[in-house]
Structures are given as structure tokens and as C-alpha cells.
Amino acid sequence: MGRPIKKKSIGTTAASGNQIQATAIIPGNAQVFTDAYVVSQKGTGKYIMASPSTSVSDLVSLVNGPLTAAGQANVVVTPWGAHGSGATVTANLGINTFSYTVIGAGAIGNNYKIGESLALQGGTGTTGSITVNSLQIGNVTIGNSAGTGGFTNTSYLIFNNENWSSPANVHVTTVSGGNITGLAIVNAGVYVNPTLPGIGGLGSNIQPDVILGGGSYATVNLQLSPRDVQVGAVGDYSTIPANPVSLATSSYGGSGAKVNITWQVSSLDITAAGTGYDAVNLVFGSGTAAATATLTGGALTSATVTSGGSYAAKPSVTVQPITSPVYAAVIYDNTVKDFNGNEYYYNLDQTTLSGPGQATIQSA
């Protein structure tokens, strides 16, 4: 392990073969030689070095970083995992969480329906959607009967039959001759029947289940809007729509619903596979998303999201070799030790390494 450098690795980098190459400031020369080579080994981390560009050779010591004075040299060691370049990846986003900005309301007869999926509008990619789980009153008007007298502005119309998991309450705000002339929603209720109420499922001419505060027979028209909803399809967007995001018009006429979306990384596109990689990490420029990579023949061939994180905008993704090049502290016949105390079996040529514990060493 600690024997001197093999003779075949020593000599001018201008000759045929494969020799250790260094960057050195050889004493007696002011310039930095990037094609320096080992003439002989003189001790731990100390070597006589020369350059094909000069006839002068002298003793130098290996240093851990850039050269600052004559008599210094460095030799780059690239461990397994630090090879490869050129791969690029972009992130796509899907729905993570959302909140209403507008629940959707409109004219009587323009309803939403439980179970339908409302697609997000805008953006580029595979469309996400929101599924309606329950409804609430979005608008109310007087039906074909304003009542048969007895209503006052302290009367309330209650809807609490089996179709409602939470009662709806409509206030009679104005009357004329005991009949209803104005209404206002006090509690929009929670409607849970997949079948819409009223004649033809349009929410029209519905009798209240209970009348409080006076009055008799009256009907109202209800427009039903989404109440409880969930993510239907996450989607997979290369360009996300801007918040607030409009939802598609319901097939039952409801329109105007909008949501604010927070996003998660849903997939990754490999835009360039790169070459020469041993192993890589996929590093996101922000947030907590995570992903794994698959390499084939030193090229990035697939990337799998393992955690989507939470984002307002698309994060950058960088393909990083799992380790970085280091500098040699001592070079032996078949191993090299870096300044961190790590020791590797090394190859002088840039062949693909087979696993951890190996490295390539700067050579020509």
C-alpha cells in the first residue's frame, strides 16, 4: 500500500504512455506549469517535478488547493462518484393543496353536482382537477309561490331533510301583504345527495322543510355551488397556471369557482442524459422535494420523485455527482491518499470505475 510510485507512472507527460500529471510552480520558474510530471519521489508528499516546457526540475510538495508559492504542486484525484457531466433535468408540478377564493355562484339553474371533476384552467401539461364532494346554497330566489300570507321579516326557511347533512337557513328579508318579496342566505348548509333537487334537478320550486317566524306555503329556487371538495387528479404541469386558478364550468351550468393552489413536484423530465457518471444526487434548488436517479452506462436514464415537497413555483433541479474531486496528499504505487485522510485505489486513465474506494488520478 505504501510502496513508491510505479516507474511506468513517472516521466514526461509529452511522451507516449500514461503518466501522473500535476500543476506545479517549480523553483527557479515563476510560471505555473499545468503539464508538470514526476521525475522521482523524495519523501511523503515530496517529489522532484519538471515540465516538458522547461529543462529545470526541482523539489515540490503537494498542497491541498491552489498554488501560492514556488515549490508547490497539486494533483487532482477524482473518486468514484465524482465523474460525469452534462445531464440536465426539469421538474413538473402537480396539485399539493388548495383553498377556495371563489366557490362559484350564479343564476338559478346553473348548479354544480356531487361527484363531478372540475378541471383546472390554464397551464401546460397533464391537467389536474378538483372533485366536488358536497354542495351549498350559492344563490336563492323566490319560486313560483311567494307564500299564502303570514310571512314577516323575522321568518326563516329551513332545509333539513335527509339530503342535507347540515341545515340550510334562508332569511325572509322583506314582505308585502304577508308574502315574500326578498330573501338572504343565513347558512348555506351542506347538501349531500348526488341528485340535484327541484324540478328537473335544476333546484327550482323547492318547499322548505320548516318555516320559522310565521308564514305558510312558499317555494324557492336554489343555485347549488361546491362546498367540500378534494383533489381529483394531481396533474403534471411543465408550466403551472397562475393563482387564483379558475375551474372548468360544470356540465350542470355552474361557473366561476376559483382556487389557490400550492404545488408539489409530480415528475421529472430528463432533458439531457449526460455521460460518464458513477453515481449522482438530484438536488432541488429550493423546498423539500426529493428524487432518485437511475444510471445506465454512465448516463442518466430515469428519475423518480420520492417526495413532492410544497412549492409556489417550479424549482430548479441539478444533477450532482455524489462526491467532488480532491487533491492528492501522498501518491503510492497503486493507491493515493487525499488531504482528508481517505485512501483510494487509482487508475491513471479515465476509464469507468466500478465502485466506491476507487479513483482516477490526474494523468496524461
Protein backbone atom coordinates (compact mmCIF):
# COMPACT_ATOMS: atom_id res chain seq x y z
CA MET A 1 0.00 0.00 0.00
CA GLY A 2 2.85 2.39 0.81
CA ARG A 3 5.37 1.49 -1.86
CA PRO A 4 6.80 4.25 -4.11
CA ILE A 5 5.10 5.28 -7.33
CA LYS A 6 5.40 2.74 -10.12
CA LYS A 7 8.10 3.70 -12.63
CA LYS A 8 5.66 3.50 -15.54
CA SER A 9 3.65 6.34 -13.96
CA ILE A 10 6.74 8.57 -13.76
CA GLY A 11 8.05 10.62 -16.63
CA THR A 12 7.29 13.37 -19.08
CA THR A 13 3.66 13.90 -19.99
CA ALA A 14 4.85 14.70 -23.52
CA ALA A 15 5.90 11.08 -24.04
CA SER A 16 3.68 8.20 -25.04
CA GLY A 17 2.11 6.21 -22.28
CA ASN A 18 0.23 7.27 -19.20
CA GLN A 19 1.98 9.37 -16.58
CA ILE A 20 0.90 11.26 -13.48
CA GLN A 21 0.27 14.88 -14.36
CA ALA A 22 0.45 17.78 -11.91
CA THR A 23 0.12 21.53 -11.70
CA ALA A 24 3.31 22.94 -10.20
CA ILE A 25 5.42 26.02 -9.59
CA ILE A 26 8.90 24.57 -10.00
CA PRO A 27 11.56 26.53 -8.08
CA GLY A 28 13.55 28.73 -10.43
CA ASN A 29 10.46 29.33 -12.61
CA ALA A 30 7.85 31.98 -11.96
CA GLN A 31 5.13 30.38 -14.05
CA VAL A 32 2.60 27.74 -13.17
CA PHE A 33 3.10 24.58 -15.21
CA THR A 34 -0.12 22.63 -15.79
CA ASP A 35 1.77 19.80 -17.56
CA ALA A 36 4.24 19.06 -14.78
CA TYR A 37 5.29 15.47 -14.17
CA VAL A 38 7.06 13.42 -11.52
CA VAL A 39 10.76 12.80 -12.06
CA SER A 40 11.29 10.99 -8.77
CA GLN A 41 9.78 10.61 -5.31
CA LYS A 42 11.75 12.14 -2.40
CA GLY A 43 9.55 11.56 0.62
CA THR A 44 5.98 11.69 1.86
CA GLY A 45 4.18 14.13 -0.43
CA LYS A 46 7.51 15.43 -1.86
CA TYR A 47 8.61 14.94 -5.47
CA ILE A 48 11.13 16.17 -7.99
CA MET A 49 9.00 17.59 -10.80
CA ALA A 50 9.67 19.04 -14.22
CA SER A 51 7.68 20.15 -17.26
CA PRO A 52 8.07 19.47 -20.98
CA SER A 53 8.15 23.28 -21.28
CA THR A 54 11.39 23.71 -19.27
CA SER A 55 14.65 21.90 -18.63
CA VAL A 56 14.57 22.88 -14.94
CA SER A 57 13.45 20.35 -12.35
CA ASP A 58 13.31 20.73 -8.59
CA LEU A 59 11.68 19.57 -5.38
CA VAL A 60 7.99 20.38 -4.80
CA SER A 61 5.49 19.45 -2.11
CA LEU A 62 1.86 18.53 -2.72
CA VAL A 63 -0.62 21.06 -1.36
CA ASN A 64 -4.37 20.97 -0.72
CA GLY A 65 -5.61 23.65 -3.09
CA PRO A 66 -4.44 26.39 -5.42
CA LEU A 67 -0.73 27.13 -5.67
CA THR A 68 0.59 30.24 -3.92
CA ALA A 69 4.39 29.88 -3.97
CA ALA A 70 7.29 28.18 -5.71
CA GLY A 71 7.88 24.62 -4.61
CA GLN A 72 4.18 23.72 -4.53
CA ALA A 73 2.20 21.31 -6.70
CA ASN A 74 -1.20 19.71 -6.72
CA VAL A 75 -2.58 16.56 -8.29
CA VAL A 76 -6.34 16.19 -8.75
CA VAL A 77 -7.93 12.95 -7.53
CA THR A 78 -11.46 12.14 -8.74
CA PRO A 79 -13.10 9.47 -6.55
CA TRP A 80 -15.76 7.07 -7.73
CA GLY A 81 -18.97 9.06 -7.75
CA ALA A 82 -17.38 12.33 -8.86
CA HIS A 83 -17.25 11.50 -12.57
CA GLY A 84 -19.65 12.53 -15.29
CA SER A 85 -21.25 15.67 -16.62
CA GLY A 86 -23.85 17.03 -18.97
CA ALA A 87 -27.10 15.67 -17.52
CA THR A 88 -29.98 18.14 -17.10
CA VAL A 89 -33.40 17.66 -15.51
CA THR A 90 -36.53 19.82 -15.20
CA ALA A 91 -39.35 19.45 -12.68
CA ASN A 92 -43.06 19.21 -13.40
CA LEU A 93 -45.65 20.20 -10.78
CA GLY A 94 -49.00 18.81 -9.68
CA ILE A 95 -51.58 19.88 -7.08
CA ASN A 96 -50.47 19.62 -3.46
CA THR A 97 -53.10 21.61 -1.53
CA PHE A 98 -55.68 24.24 -2.45
CA SER A 99 -58.13 26.71 -0.95
CA TYR A 100 -61.15 28.48 -2.38
CA THR A 101 -61.00 32.09 -3.43
CA VAL A 102 -64.47 31.97 -5.09
CA ILE A 103 -66.76 28.99 -4.54
CA GLY A 104 -68.80 29.62 -7.68
CA ALA A 105 -72.30 31.04 -7.81
CA GLY A 106 -74.61 32.27 -10.47
CA ALA A 107 -78.08 32.22 -11.90
CA ILE A 108 -80.67 29.78 -10.71
CA GLY A 109 -80.33 26.55 -12.68
CA ASN A 110 -76.57 26.89 -13.04
CA ASN A 111 -75.53 24.29 -10.48
CA TYR A 112 -72.63 22.04 -9.67
CA LYS A 113 -73.09 18.36 -8.87
CA ILE A 114 -71.57 15.99 -6.34
CA GLY A 115 -69.00 13.62 -7.84
CA GLU A 116 -68.08 15.68 -10.86
CA SER A 117 -64.48 16.67 -11.55
CA LEU A 118 -63.72 20.27 -12.42
CA ALA A 119 -60.54 20.67 -14.44
CA LEU A 120 -58.04 23.43 -13.67
CA GLN A 121 -57.89 26.00 -16.43
CA GLY A 122 -54.58 27.16 -17.90
CA GLY A 123 -51.04 25.89 -17.66
CA THR A 124 -49.24 23.40 -19.87
CA GLY A 125 -49.15 19.66 -19.30
CA THR A 126 -51.47 16.99 -17.93
CA THR A 127 -54.49 18.73 -16.41
CA GLY A 128 -55.32 18.49 -12.71
CA SER A 129 -58.85 18.56 -11.36
CA ILE A 130 -60.96 19.17 -8.26
CA THR A 131 -63.76 16.72 -7.34
CA VAL A 132 -66.98 18.00 -5.72
CA ASN A 133 -67.93 16.13 -2.53
CA SER A 134 -70.85 18.26 -1.28
CA LEU A 135 -72.77 21.41 -2.19
CA GLN A 136 -74.09 24.55 -0.53
CA ILE A 137 -76.57 27.27 -1.46
CA GLY A 138 -74.85 29.85 -3.64
CA ASN A 139 -77.94 31.83 -4.62
CA VAL A 140 -81.64 31.84 -3.70
CA THR A 141 -84.71 33.44 -5.32
CA ILE A 142 -88.47 33.28 -4.82
CA GLY A 143 -90.07 30.31 -6.60
CA ASN A 144 -93.50 30.15 -8.23
CA SER A 145 -95.16 30.82 -4.87
CA ALA A 146 -94.28 33.77 -2.62
CA GLY A 147 -96.46 32.21 0.09
CA THR A 148 -100.02 32.44 1.20
CA GLY A 149 -99.59 35.15 3.82
CA GLY A 150 -98.26 35.36 7.34
CA PHE A 151 -94.58 35.96 6.46
CA THR A 152 -92.65 38.70 8.24
CA ASN A 153 -89.07 39.90 8.13
CA THR A 154 -88.39 37.60 11.09
CA SER A 155 -89.40 34.48 9.14
CA TYR A 156 -86.84 31.81 8.20
CA LEU A 157 -86.98 28.95 5.72
CA ILE A 158 -85.11 25.84 6.92
CA PHE A 159 -83.92 22.95 4.71
CA ASN A 160 -83.00 19.97 6.91
CA ASN A 161 -84.28 16.78 5.29
CA GLU A 162 -82.09 13.74 4.60
CA ASN A 163 -80.45 15.48 1.64
CA TRP A 164 -78.74 17.95 3.97
CA SER A 165 -76.02 16.89 6.41
CA SER A 166 -76.07 20.42 7.81
CA PRO A 167 -79.27 22.51 7.59
CA ALA A 168 -79.56 25.49 5.30
CA ASN A 169 -81.23 28.64 6.61
CA VAL A 170 -82.74 31.36 4.40
CA HIS A 171 -83.99 34.62 5.92
CA VAL A 172 -87.12 36.36 4.65
CA THR A 173 -85.84 39.92 4.49
CA THR A 174 -88.82 41.75 3.01
CA VAL A 175 -92.53 41.02 2.62
CA SER A 176 -95.60 42.56 1.04
CA GLY A 177 -99.06 41.67 2.28
CA GLY A 178 -97.56 38.78 4.21
CA ASN A 179 -95.93 37.33 1.12
CA ILE A 180 -92.19 37.06 0.46
CA THR A 181 -90.51 39.76 -1.61
CA GLY A 182 -86.88 39.35 -0.54
CA LEU A 183 -84.55 36.56 0.67
CA ALA A 184 -81.00 36.27 2.02
CA ILE A 185 -78.81 33.26 2.86
CA VAL A 186 -78.04 32.93 6.58
CA ASN A 187 -76.45 29.48 6.46
CA ALA A 188 -75.64 27.88 3.11
CA GLY A 189 -75.95 24.35 4.53
CA VAL A 190 -74.32 21.17 3.26
CA TYR A 191 -76.20 19.31 0.54
CA VAL A 192 -75.01 15.68 0.12
CA ASN A 193 -77.38 13.98 -2.34
CA PRO A 194 -75.74 13.29 -5.74
CA THR A 195 -79.14 14.03 -7.31
CA LEU A 196 -79.88 17.75 -7.56
CA PRO A 197 -83.17 18.89 -6.02
CA GLY A 198 -86.17 20.52 -7.61
CA ILE A 199 -87.97 20.14 -10.88
CA GLY A 200 -85.66 18.53 -13.46
CA GLY A 201 -82.78 18.74 -11.00
CA LEU A 202 -82.48 22.48 -11.55
CA GLY A 203 -83.03 23.50 -7.93
CA SER A 204 -86.33 25.21 -8.71
CA ASN A 205 -89.59 25.48 -6.75
CA ILE A 206 -88.44 23.72 -3.58
CA GLN A 207 -90.53 23.82 -0.44
CA PRO A 208 -88.68 24.45 2.84
CA ASP A 209 -88.86 21.67 5.41
CA VAL A 210 -89.53 24.07 8.28
CA ILE A 211 -90.83 27.67 8.38
CA LEU A 212 -89.95 29.67 11.47
CA GLY A 213 -91.46 33.03 12.48
CA GLY A 214 -94.70 32.83 10.55
CA GLY A 215 -95.90 32.23 7.01
CA SER A 216 -97.19 29.33 5.00
CA TYR A 217 -96.69 27.65 1.69
CA ALA A 218 -93.87 29.17 -0.34
CA THR A 219 -91.30 27.81 -2.77
CA VAL A 220 -87.77 28.93 -3.55
CA ASN A 221 -85.22 28.37 -6.26
CA LEU A 222 -81.74 27.30 -5.12
CA GLN A 223 -78.48 27.54 -7.00
CA LEU A 224 -76.01 24.99 -5.57
CA SER A 225 -72.27 25.57 -5.53
CA PRO A 226 -69.33 23.41 -4.32
CA ARG A 227 -68.90 23.13 -0.55
CA ASP A 228 -66.45 20.31 0.27
CA VAL A 229 -64.07 19.28 -2.46
CA GLN A 230 -60.90 17.22 -2.86
CA VAL A 231 -58.10 16.81 -5.37
CA GLY A 232 -59.41 14.67 -8.22
CA ALA A 233 -56.29 14.47 -10.38
CA VAL A 234 -52.95 15.90 -9.26
CA GLY A 235 -51.92 16.81 -12.81
CA ASP A 236 -48.42 17.12 -14.20
CA TYR A 237 -47.59 20.64 -15.39
CA SER A 238 -44.48 21.88 -17.14
CA THR A 239 -45.97 25.39 -16.82
CA ILE A 240 -48.40 25.94 -13.94
CA PRO A 241 -51.48 28.17 -14.18
CA ALA A 242 -51.35 31.40 -12.17
CA ASN A 243 -53.29 31.72 -8.90
CA PRO A 244 -56.18 32.04 -8.45
CA VAL A 245 -56.86 29.16 -10.83
CA SER A 246 -60.28 29.01 -12.48
CA LEU A 247 -62.14 25.70 -12.51
CA ALA A 248 -63.99 24.46 -15.57
CA THR A 249 -67.69 25.21 -15.96
CA SER A 250 -69.81 22.41 -14.56
CA SER A 251 -71.74 20.25 -17.00
CA TYR A 252 -74.75 21.41 -14.95
CA GLY A 253 -74.11 25.07 -15.66
CA GLY A 254 -72.22 26.19 -12.54
CA SER A 255 -69.34 28.57 -13.19
CA GLY A 256 -66.94 30.98 -11.53
CA ALA A 257 -65.27 28.72 -8.96
CA LYS A 258 -61.59 29.53 -8.36
CA VAL A 259 -58.90 28.07 -6.10
CA ASN A 260 -55.43 28.97 -4.88
CA ILE A 261 -53.04 26.09 -5.45
CA THR A 262 -49.83 25.07 -3.73
CA TRP A 263 -47.87 22.61 -5.83
CA GLN A 264 -45.71 19.54 -5.43
CA VAL A 265 -43.11 18.04 -7.74
CA SER A 266 -45.03 15.38 -9.66
CA SER A 267 -42.45 14.16 -12.18
CA LEU A 268 -39.04 14.93 -13.67
CA ASP A 269 -38.08 15.26 -17.33
CA ILE A 270 -34.55 14.30 -18.35
CA THR A 271 -33.59 16.88 -20.96
CA ALA A 272 -30.02 15.59 -21.37
CA ALA A 273 -28.67 12.23 -20.18
CA GLY A 274 -25.04 13.27 -19.75
CA THR A 275 -22.09 10.88 -19.83
CA GLY A 276 -19.54 9.21 -17.60
CA TYR A 277 -21.41 9.23 -14.29
CA ASP A 278 -20.64 6.81 -11.48
CA ALA A 279 -23.50 7.89 -9.19
CA VAL A 280 -25.50 11.10 -8.81
CA ASN A 281 -27.76 13.02 -6.48
CA LEU A 282 -30.69 15.05 -7.80
CA VAL A 283 -30.63 18.34 -5.89
CA PHE A 284 -33.62 20.73 -5.87
CA GLY A 285 -32.86 24.44 -5.81
CA SER A 286 -35.47 25.04 -3.08
CA GLY A 287 -38.00 23.23 -0.93
CA THR A 288 -38.06 19.67 0.35
CA ALA A 289 -38.70 17.60 -2.78
CA ALA A 290 -36.51 14.54 -3.24
CA ALA A 291 -35.86 12.11 -6.08
CA THR A 292 -33.71 9.15 -7.04
CA ALA A 293 -31.79 8.63 -10.27
CA THR A 294 -31.02 5.59 -12.41
CA LEU A 295 -27.86 5.44 -14.50
CA THR A 296 -27.22 3.18 -17.48
CA GLY A 297 -23.76 3.10 -18.97
CA GLY A 298 -22.82 6.30 -17.17
CA ALA A 299 -25.88 8.19 -18.49
CA LEU A 300 -28.95 9.35 -16.55
CA THR A 301 -31.84 7.26 -17.86
CA SER A 302 -34.63 7.78 -15.32
CA ALA A 303 -35.53 9.97 -12.35
CA THR A 304 -38.20 9.08 -9.79
CA VAL A 305 -39.81 11.54 -7.36
CA THR A 306 -39.84 10.18 -3.80
CA SER A 307 -41.15 13.31 -2.04
CA GLY A 308 -43.03 16.11 -3.78
CA GLY A 309 -42.50 18.95 -1.28
CA SER A 310 -44.58 22.11 -1.42
CA TYR A 311 -44.00 24.90 -3.93
CA ALA A 312 -45.42 28.15 -5.26
CA ALA A 313 -43.23 27.97 -8.37
CA LYS A 314 -41.20 25.35 -10.21
CA PRO A 315 -37.86 24.59 -8.51
CA SER A 316 -34.62 24.07 -10.40
CA VAL A 317 -33.03 20.61 -10.38
CA THR A 318 -29.30 19.95 -10.56
CA VAL A 319 -27.64 16.63 -11.34
CA GLN A 320 -24.68 16.42 -8.97
CA PRO A 321 -22.05 13.69 -8.79
CA ILE A 322 -22.18 12.29 -5.27
CA THR A 323 -18.69 13.49 -4.37
CA SER A 324 -16.19 16.11 -5.53
CA PRO A 325 -12.62 15.92 -6.81
CA VAL A 326 -9.96 16.29 -4.12
CA TYR A 327 -6.19 16.80 -4.04
CA ALA A 328 -3.59 14.10 -3.51
CA ALA A 329 -1.54 14.28 -0.31
CA VAL A 330 0.58 11.18 -0.98
CA ILE A 331 0.81 9.01 -4.10
CA TYR A 332 1.84 5.35 -3.77
CA ASP A 333 2.31 2.64 -6.39
CA ASN A 334 -1.39 1.81 -6.66
CA THR A 335 -3.13 3.92 -4.02
CA VAL A 336 -3.48 7.63 -3.35
CA LYS A 337 -4.35 9.39 -0.09
CA ASP A 338 -6.12 12.75 -0.10
CA PHE A 339 -5.76 15.55 2.46
CA ASN A 340 -8.87 14.29 4.28
CA GLY A 341 -7.13 11.00 5.03
CA ASN A 342 -9.18 8.99 2.52
CA GLU A 343 -7.24 6.41 0.51
CA TYR A 344 -8.25 5.11 -2.92
CA TYR A 345 -7.06 2.57 -5.42
CA TYR A 346 -6.40 4.64 -8.51
CA ASN A 347 -6.29 4.41 -12.28
CA LEU A 348 -4.23 6.84 -14.30
CA ASP A 349 -6.55 6.73 -17.30
CA GLN A 350 -10.13 7.97 -17.30
CA THR A 351 -11.76 4.56 -17.50
CA THR A 352 -15.07 3.98 -15.75
CA LEU A 353 -14.61 2.98 -12.14
CA SER A 354 -16.58 0.07 -10.75
CA GLY A 355 -17.38 1.21 -7.22
CA PRO A 356 -16.52 3.08 -4.04
CA GLY A 357 -12.90 3.08 -2.89
CA GLN A 358 -11.61 3.77 -6.37
CA ALA A 359 -10.46 6.99 -8.03
CA THR A 360 -8.84 8.33 -11.13
CA ILE A 361 -5.77 10.50 -10.75
CA GLN A 362 -4.78 13.46 -12.91
CA SER A 363 -2.77 11.98 -15.80
CA ALA A 364 -1.72 12.42 -19.39
